[in-house]
């Protein structure tokens, strides 16, 4: 292995992980913002998770990657706002 090759590969791997983490955080933030907007417009009961997902541009199942259920999403919104 050439000198610097390992370091370069390690740097690329760390950079990739950071980019992925930012992407995940951005996706979660997008879901929360989407839920906030829709709940404001339609109310809690008029805003199913599928509507939040569509508005956020993610699959409905993706929401459950970040939140166990709709109540958990509401807690996430509360933590985001505070």
N, C-alpha and C. Protein backbone atom coordinates (compact mmCIF):
# COMPACT_ATOMS: atom_id res chain seq x y z
N UNK A 1 0.84 -1.16 0.00
CA UNK A 1 0.00 0.00 0.00
C UNK A 1 0.89 1.24 0.00
N UNK A 2 0.61 2.17 -0.86
CA UNK A 2 1.40 3.39 -0.96
C UNK A 2 1.17 4.25 0.27
N UNK A 3 2.19 5.05 0.58
CA UNK A 3 2.07 5.99 1.69
C UNK A 3 0.94 6.96 1.38
N UNK A 4 0.11 7.19 2.36
CA UNK A 4 -0.97 8.14 2.19
C UNK A 4 -2.26 7.51 1.67
N UNK A 5 -2.17 6.31 1.11
CA UNK A 5 -3.37 5.67 0.57
C UNK A 5 -4.35 5.32 1.68
N UNK A 6 -3.84 4.75 2.76
CA UNK A 6 -4.70 4.40 3.89
C UNK A 6 -5.35 5.65 4.47
N UNK A 7 -4.56 6.69 4.65
CA UNK A 7 -5.09 7.94 5.20
C UNK A 7 -6.16 8.53 4.29
N UNK A 8 -5.92 8.47 2.99
CA UNK A 8 -6.89 8.99 2.03
C UNK A 8 -8.20 8.19 2.10
N UNK A 9 -8.07 6.88 2.16
CA UNK A 9 -9.25 6.02 2.23
C UNK A 9 -10.00 6.27 3.54
N UNK A 10 -9.28 6.43 4.62
CA UNK A 10 -9.90 6.70 5.91
C UNK A 10 -10.63 8.04 5.88
N UNK A 11 -10.00 9.05 5.30
CA UNK A 11 -10.62 10.38 5.22
C UNK A 11 -11.90 10.31 4.39
N UNK A 12 -11.85 9.59 3.26
CA UNK A 12 -13.04 9.47 2.42
C UNK A 12 -14.17 8.76 3.16
N UNK A 13 -13.81 7.72 3.92
CA UNK A 13 -14.81 6.97 4.67
C UNK A 13 -15.44 7.85 5.75
N UNK A 14 -14.64 8.59 6.50
CA UNK A 14 -15.15 9.48 7.54
C UNK A 14 -16.01 10.56 6.92
N UNK A 15 -15.56 11.12 5.80
CA UNK A 15 -16.32 12.16 5.11
C UNK A 15 -17.67 11.63 4.64
N UNK A 16 -17.68 10.42 4.13
CA UNK A 16 -18.91 9.79 3.67
C UNK A 16 -19.88 9.57 4.82
N UNK A 17 -19.38 9.13 5.97
CA UNK A 17 -20.22 8.91 7.15
C UNK A 17 -20.81 10.24 7.62
N UNK A 18 -20.01 11.28 7.65
CA UNK A 18 -20.52 12.60 8.06
C UNK A 18 -21.60 13.09 7.11
N UNK A 19 -21.38 12.92 5.81
CA UNK A 19 -22.37 13.34 4.82
C UNK A 19 -23.66 12.56 5.01
N UNK A 20 -23.56 11.26 5.27
CA UNK A 20 -24.74 10.43 5.50
C UNK A 20 -25.49 10.88 6.76
N UNK A 21 -24.75 11.21 7.81
CA UNK A 21 -25.38 11.67 9.05
C UNK A 21 -26.10 12.98 8.82
N UNK A 22 -25.48 13.90 8.07
CA UNK A 22 -26.14 15.17 7.77
C UNK A 22 -27.40 14.93 6.95
N UNK A 23 -27.32 14.00 6.01
CA UNK A 23 -28.47 13.68 5.18
C UNK A 23 -29.61 13.12 6.04
N UNK A 24 -29.28 12.24 6.98
CA UNK A 24 -30.29 11.68 7.87
C UNK A 24 -30.91 12.76 8.74
N UNK A 25 -30.09 13.65 9.28
CA UNK A 25 -30.60 14.73 10.10
C UNK A 25 -31.47 15.68 9.28
N UNK A 26 -31.07 15.96 8.05
CA UNK A 26 -31.86 16.81 7.17
C UNK A 26 -33.21 16.16 6.87
N UNK A 27 -33.21 14.85 6.66
CA UNK A 27 -34.45 14.13 6.35
C UNK A 27 -35.39 14.17 7.57
N UNK A 28 -34.84 13.97 8.74
CA UNK A 28 -35.65 14.02 9.96
C UNK A 28 -36.22 15.43 10.15
N UNK A 29 -35.39 16.42 9.93
CA UNK A 29 -35.84 17.81 10.05
C UNK A 29 -36.94 18.12 9.03
N UNK A 30 -36.81 17.61 7.84
CA UNK A 30 -37.81 17.79 6.79
C UNK A 30 -39.13 17.14 7.19
N UNK A 31 -39.08 15.96 7.77
CA UNK A 31 -40.28 15.27 8.23
C UNK A 31 -40.96 16.09 9.33
N UNK A 32 -40.18 16.57 10.27
CA UNK A 32 -40.74 17.36 11.37
C UNK A 32 -41.38 18.64 10.85
N UNK A 33 -40.70 19.33 9.95
CA UNK A 33 -41.24 20.57 9.41
C UNK A 33 -42.52 20.31 8.61
N UNK A 34 -42.52 19.23 7.87
CA UNK A 34 -43.70 18.85 7.10
C UNK A 34 -44.88 18.59 8.04
N UNK A 35 -44.63 17.85 9.11
CA UNK A 35 -45.68 17.56 10.08
C UNK A 35 -46.19 18.84 10.73
N UNK A 36 -45.29 19.73 11.08
CA UNK A 36 -45.69 21.02 11.67
C UNK A 36 -46.62 21.79 10.73
N UNK A 37 -46.22 21.89 9.48
CA UNK A 37 -47.01 22.63 8.50
C UNK A 37 -48.39 22.01 8.31
N UNK A 38 -48.42 20.70 8.18
CA UNK A 38 -49.69 20.02 7.91
C UNK A 38 -50.62 20.01 9.12
N UNK A 39 -50.05 19.85 10.31
CA UNK A 39 -50.88 19.87 11.51
C UNK A 39 -51.46 21.27 11.70
N UNK A 40 -50.69 22.28 11.39
CA UNK A 40 -51.20 23.65 11.48
C UNK A 40 -52.37 23.85 10.51
N UNK A 41 -52.23 23.28 9.34
CA UNK A 41 -53.26 23.45 8.30
C UNK A 41 -54.48 22.55 8.49
N UNK A 42 -54.25 21.28 8.88
CA UNK A 42 -55.33 20.29 8.92
C UNK A 42 -55.68 19.79 10.31
N UNK A 43 -54.90 20.14 11.31
CA UNK A 43 -55.10 19.61 12.66
C UNK A 43 -54.46 18.23 12.80
N UNK A 44 -54.31 17.79 14.05
CA UNK A 44 -53.64 16.52 14.34
C UNK A 44 -54.34 15.35 13.68
N UNK A 45 -55.65 15.26 13.83
CA UNK A 45 -56.39 14.10 13.31
C UNK A 45 -56.59 14.16 11.80
N UNK A 46 -56.43 15.34 11.21
CA UNK A 46 -56.58 15.49 9.77
C UNK A 46 -55.26 15.35 9.03
N UNK A 47 -54.27 14.85 9.73
CA UNK A 47 -52.92 14.78 9.17
C UNK A 47 -52.33 13.38 9.38
N UNK A 48 -52.68 12.42 8.53
CA UNK A 48 -52.11 11.07 8.69
C UNK A 48 -50.62 11.05 8.33
N UNK A 49 -49.95 10.05 8.84
CA UNK A 49 -48.51 9.90 8.59
C UNK A 49 -48.23 9.84 7.09
N UNK A 50 -49.10 9.22 6.34
CA UNK A 50 -48.89 9.13 4.89
C UNK A 50 -48.87 10.52 4.24
N UNK A 51 -49.68 11.44 4.76
CA UNK A 51 -49.70 12.81 4.24
C UNK A 51 -48.39 13.52 4.58
N UNK A 52 -47.91 13.31 5.79
CA UNK A 52 -46.63 13.90 6.22
C UNK A 52 -45.53 13.39 5.31
N UNK A 53 -45.52 12.09 5.07
CA UNK A 53 -44.48 11.49 4.22
C UNK A 53 -44.52 12.07 2.82
N UNK A 54 -45.68 12.15 2.24
CA UNK A 54 -45.81 12.68 0.88
C UNK A 54 -45.33 14.12 0.82
N UNK A 55 -45.73 14.92 1.79
CA UNK A 55 -45.34 16.33 1.83
C UNK A 55 -43.83 16.49 2.05
N UNK A 56 -43.23 15.57 2.81
CA UNK A 56 -41.79 15.61 3.08
C UNK A 56 -40.97 15.01 1.95
N UNK A 57 -41.64 14.33 1.02
CA UNK A 57 -40.93 13.72 -0.10
C UNK A 57 -40.21 12.43 0.27
N UNK A 58 -40.77 11.71 1.25
CA UNK A 58 -40.19 10.43 1.66
C UNK A 58 -41.27 9.36 1.64
N UNK A 59 -40.86 8.11 1.67
CA UNK A 59 -41.82 7.01 1.77
C UNK A 59 -42.39 6.98 3.19
N UNK A 60 -43.62 6.52 3.32
CA UNK A 60 -44.27 6.47 4.63
C UNK A 60 -43.43 5.66 5.62
N UNK A 61 -42.84 4.58 5.16
CA UNK A 61 -42.02 3.75 6.03
C UNK A 61 -40.79 4.48 6.56
N UNK A 62 -40.32 5.46 5.82
CA UNK A 62 -39.15 6.23 6.26
C UNK A 62 -39.44 6.97 7.56
N UNK A 63 -40.65 7.43 7.72
CA UNK A 63 -41.01 8.14 8.95
C UNK A 63 -40.81 7.23 10.15
N UNK A 64 -41.13 5.96 9.98
CA UNK A 64 -40.99 5.01 11.09
C UNK A 64 -39.53 4.64 11.37
N UNK A 65 -38.63 5.05 10.51
CA UNK A 65 -37.20 4.91 10.79
C UNK A 65 -36.79 5.89 11.88
N UNK A 66 -37.45 7.03 11.89
CA UNK A 66 -37.11 8.10 12.83
C UNK A 66 -38.06 8.16 14.02
N UNK A 67 -39.30 7.76 13.83
CA UNK A 67 -40.33 7.88 14.86
C UNK A 67 -41.13 6.58 14.94
N UNK A 68 -41.34 6.10 16.16
CA UNK A 68 -42.03 4.82 16.36
C UNK A 68 -43.48 4.88 15.88
N UNK A 69 -44.13 6.02 16.11
CA UNK A 69 -45.53 6.18 15.73
C UNK A 69 -45.83 7.68 15.65
N UNK A 70 -47.08 8.02 15.43
CA UNK A 70 -47.46 9.43 15.29
C UNK A 70 -47.23 10.20 16.59
N UNK A 71 -47.50 9.57 17.72
CA UNK A 71 -47.26 10.23 19.01
C UNK A 71 -45.78 10.54 19.20
N UNK A 72 -44.93 9.63 18.78
CA UNK A 72 -43.49 9.85 18.85
C UNK A 72 -43.07 11.01 17.95
N UNK A 73 -43.72 11.13 16.80
CA UNK A 73 -43.46 12.25 15.90
C UNK A 73 -43.84 13.56 16.58
N UNK A 74 -44.95 13.58 17.29
CA UNK A 74 -45.37 14.79 18.00
C UNK A 74 -44.35 15.15 19.08
N UNK A 75 -43.84 14.19 19.78
CA UNK A 75 -42.79 14.44 20.78
C UNK A 75 -41.54 14.98 20.08
N UNK A 76 -41.21 14.43 18.91
CA UNK A 76 -40.08 14.94 18.13
C UNK A 76 -40.27 16.38 17.71
N UNK A 77 -41.50 16.73 17.35
CA UNK A 77 -41.81 18.12 17.00
C UNK A 77 -41.60 19.02 18.22
N UNK A 78 -42.10 18.58 19.35
CA UNK A 78 -41.96 19.35 20.59
C UNK A 78 -40.49 19.58 20.91
N UNK A 79 -39.69 18.52 20.83
CA UNK A 79 -38.25 18.65 21.12
C UNK A 79 -37.56 19.55 20.10
N UNK A 80 -37.99 19.51 18.87
CA UNK A 80 -37.41 20.34 17.81
C UNK A 80 -37.72 21.83 18.05
N UNK A 81 -38.95 22.10 18.46
CA UNK A 81 -39.39 23.48 18.65
C UNK A 81 -38.74 24.09 19.90
N UNK A 82 -38.58 23.28 20.92
CA UNK A 82 -38.02 23.80 22.18
C UNK A 82 -36.56 23.83 22.13
